[in-house]
Amino acid sequence: MFKSCKIILKAFRNITGNTEKPLTFIGGHTQIGLLDDLNVFYDYRVYEHEINGIIRQLTEYGYLYYVDDTKFGLTLKGMHPWMTKFDSFQEWFFHTFLGGVITGVISTIGAETMLYLGIKVFSLLTQSQSQP
């Protein structure tokens, strides 16, 4: 996700109190505020020429949902973006990393055991052939 998207998402989380309260563009200004309290707002002047793209991107990634053309709100993923990252890390760690380590350890132990048993069998066969 682009840095500008992260900044805007964080601002939306702050002005909504990290809730699903709908946000809206405040007409004639470079501000987005709470639909039910326009005194609580974020001034997006720095991102004025890309705000629609940022909101569209956040919607496509599942962080925001549209109420209509000018109103939108945070999704559960938007309210708790770190949970999504933690869930994907957890899945990677347990399935890919830890699974690979466990498979490697089991394979190594199995190979060492087979090598040890092969040497034992070979030594027993050579001992029995050398004795008259």
Protein backbone atom coordinates (compact mmCIF):
# COMPACT_ATOMS: atom_id res chain seq x y z
CA MET A 1 0.00 0.00 0.00
CA PHE A 2 1.29 3.49 -0.82
CA LYS A 3 2.38 5.77 2.01
CA SER A 4 -0.33 8.29 1.11
CA CYS A 5 -2.97 5.56 1.50
CA LYS A 6 -1.61 4.67 4.94
CA ILE A 7 -1.65 8.32 6.02
CA ILE A 8 -5.24 8.83 4.84
CA LEU A 9 -6.42 5.56 6.40
CA LYS A 10 -4.85 6.54 9.72
CA ALA A 11 -6.54 9.96 9.53
CA PHE A 12 -9.91 8.31 8.82
CA ARG A 13 -9.40 5.97 11.77
CA ASN A 14 -8.65 8.96 14.01
CA ILE A 15 -11.66 11.07 13.03
CA THR A 16 -14.10 8.15 13.23
CA GLY A 17 -12.72 6.96 16.55
CA ASN A 18 -11.88 3.71 14.77
CA THR A 19 -15.55 2.93 14.11
CA GLU A 20 -17.79 2.38 11.08
CA LYS A 21 -19.18 5.94 11.25
CA PRO A 22 -19.72 7.20 7.69
CA LEU A 23 -17.47 9.92 6.29
CA THR A 24 -18.29 12.47 3.61
CA PHE A 25 -16.65 15.18 1.54
CA ILE A 26 -17.37 18.63 2.95
CA GLY A 27 -18.44 20.69 -0.05
CA GLY A 28 -16.30 23.62 -1.11
CA HIS A 29 -13.40 22.56 1.12
CA THR A 30 -10.53 20.10 0.99
CA GLN A 31 -11.98 18.27 3.97
CA ILE A 32 -13.55 14.94 4.74
CA GLY A 33 -15.60 14.77 7.91
CA LEU A 34 -18.02 12.66 9.89
CA LEU A 35 -21.44 12.57 8.27
CA ASP A 36 -23.16 13.23 11.61
CA ASP A 37 -20.65 15.86 12.87
CA LEU A 38 -18.94 17.97 10.22
CA ASN A 39 -16.90 19.72 12.93
CA VAL A 40 -14.77 16.58 13.09
CA PHE A 41 -12.81 16.45 9.83
CA TYR A 42 -9.51 15.76 8.10
CA ASP A 43 -8.01 18.34 5.74
CA TYR A 44 -6.60 16.45 2.76
CA ARG A 45 -5.10 19.54 1.09
CA VAL A 46 -1.71 17.77 0.68
CA TYR A 47 -3.43 14.98 -1.29
CA GLU A 48 -6.01 17.18 -3.00
CA HIS A 49 -5.22 15.99 -6.51
CA GLU A 50 -5.13 12.30 -5.64
CA ILE A 51 -7.75 11.88 -2.89
CA ASN A 52 -10.26 10.13 -5.16
CA GLY A 53 -7.60 7.65 -6.27
CA ILE A 54 -6.54 7.03 -2.68
CA ILE A 55 -10.12 6.39 -1.58
CA ARG A 56 -10.67 4.11 -4.60
CA GLN A 57 -7.48 2.20 -3.76
CA LEU A 58 -8.46 1.81 -0.10
CA THR A 59 -11.87 0.56 -1.24
CA GLU A 60 -10.34 -1.96 -3.66
CA TYR A 61 -8.05 -3.24 -0.89
CA GLY A 62 -11.07 -3.65 1.40
CA TYR A 63 -10.25 -0.92 3.93
CA LEU A 64 -13.22 1.31 3.02
CA TYR A 65 -16.76 0.76 1.73
CA TYR A 66 -18.88 3.18 -0.28
CA VAL A 67 -22.27 4.28 1.01
CA ASP A 68 -22.78 6.34 -2.16
CA ASP A 69 -20.63 8.57 -4.41
CA THR A 70 -19.69 11.00 -1.65
CA LYS A 71 -20.03 8.89 1.50
CA PHE A 72 -17.89 6.01 2.69
CA GLY A 73 -16.80 4.30 5.91
CA LEU A 74 -14.19 2.02 7.39
CA THR A 75 -14.55 -1.74 7.11
CA LEU A 76 -13.37 -4.11 9.84
CA LYS A 77 -10.11 -4.47 7.92
CA GLY A 78 -9.85 -0.66 7.82
CA MET A 79 -10.38 -0.37 11.56
CA HIS A 80 -7.82 -3.08 12.37
CA PRO A 81 -5.26 -3.23 9.54
CA TRP A 82 -2.61 -4.74 11.81
CA MET A 83 -4.83 -7.81 12.37
CA THR A 84 -4.79 -8.56 8.66
CA LYS A 85 -0.99 -8.30 8.61
CA PHE A 86 -0.71 -10.46 11.73
CA ASP A 87 -3.04 -13.09 10.27
CA SER A 88 -1.05 -13.31 7.04
CA PHE A 89 2.24 -13.46 9.00
CA GLN A 90 0.82 -16.16 11.24
CA GLU A 91 -0.33 -18.19 8.23
CA TRP A 92 3.06 -17.81 6.54
CA PHE A 93 4.97 -18.65 9.72
CA PHE A 94 3.05 -21.79 10.62
CA HIS A 95 2.40 -23.16 7.14
CA THR A 96 5.48 -22.18 5.20
CA PHE A 97 8.32 -21.54 7.60
CA LEU A 98 7.54 -23.84 10.52
CA GLY A 99 6.14 -26.52 8.19
CA GLY A 100 9.38 -26.43 6.17
CA VAL A 101 11.53 -26.66 9.30
CA ILE A 102 9.53 -29.60 10.67
CA THR A 103 9.65 -31.39 7.31
CA GLY A 104 13.39 -30.81 7.13
CA VAL A 105 13.99 -32.15 10.64
CA ILE A 106 11.85 -35.24 10.03
CA SER A 107 13.59 -35.89 6.70
CA THR A 108 17.02 -35.52 8.29
CA ILE A 109 16.17 -37.83 11.18
CA GLY A 110 14.71 -40.37 8.74
CA ALA A 111 17.76 -40.23 6.47
CA GLU A 112 20.18 -40.53 9.42
CA THR A 113 18.21 -43.48 10.79
CA MET A 114 18.21 -45.25 7.43
CA LEU A 115 21.95 -44.63 7.03
CA TYR A 116 22.63 -45.96 10.53
CA LEU A 117 20.49 -49.06 9.92
CA GLY A 118 22.14 -49.63 6.54
CA ILE A 119 25.61 -49.54 8.11
CA LYS A 120 24.49 -51.93 10.90
CA VAL A 121 23.00 -54.40 8.42
CA PHE A 122 26.11 -54.19 6.23
CA SER A 123 28.41 -54.78 9.23
CA LEU A 124 26.27 -57.77 10.36
CA LEU A 125 26.38 -59.27 6.85
CA THR A 126 30.14 -58.84 6.54
CA GLN A 127 30.70 -60.32 10.02
CA SER A 128 28.57 -63.38 9.24
CA GLN A 129 30.43 -63.96 5.93
CA SER A 130 33.88 -63.65 7.52
CA GLN A 131 33.13 -66.28 10.20
CA PRO A 132 33.50 -69.94 9.05
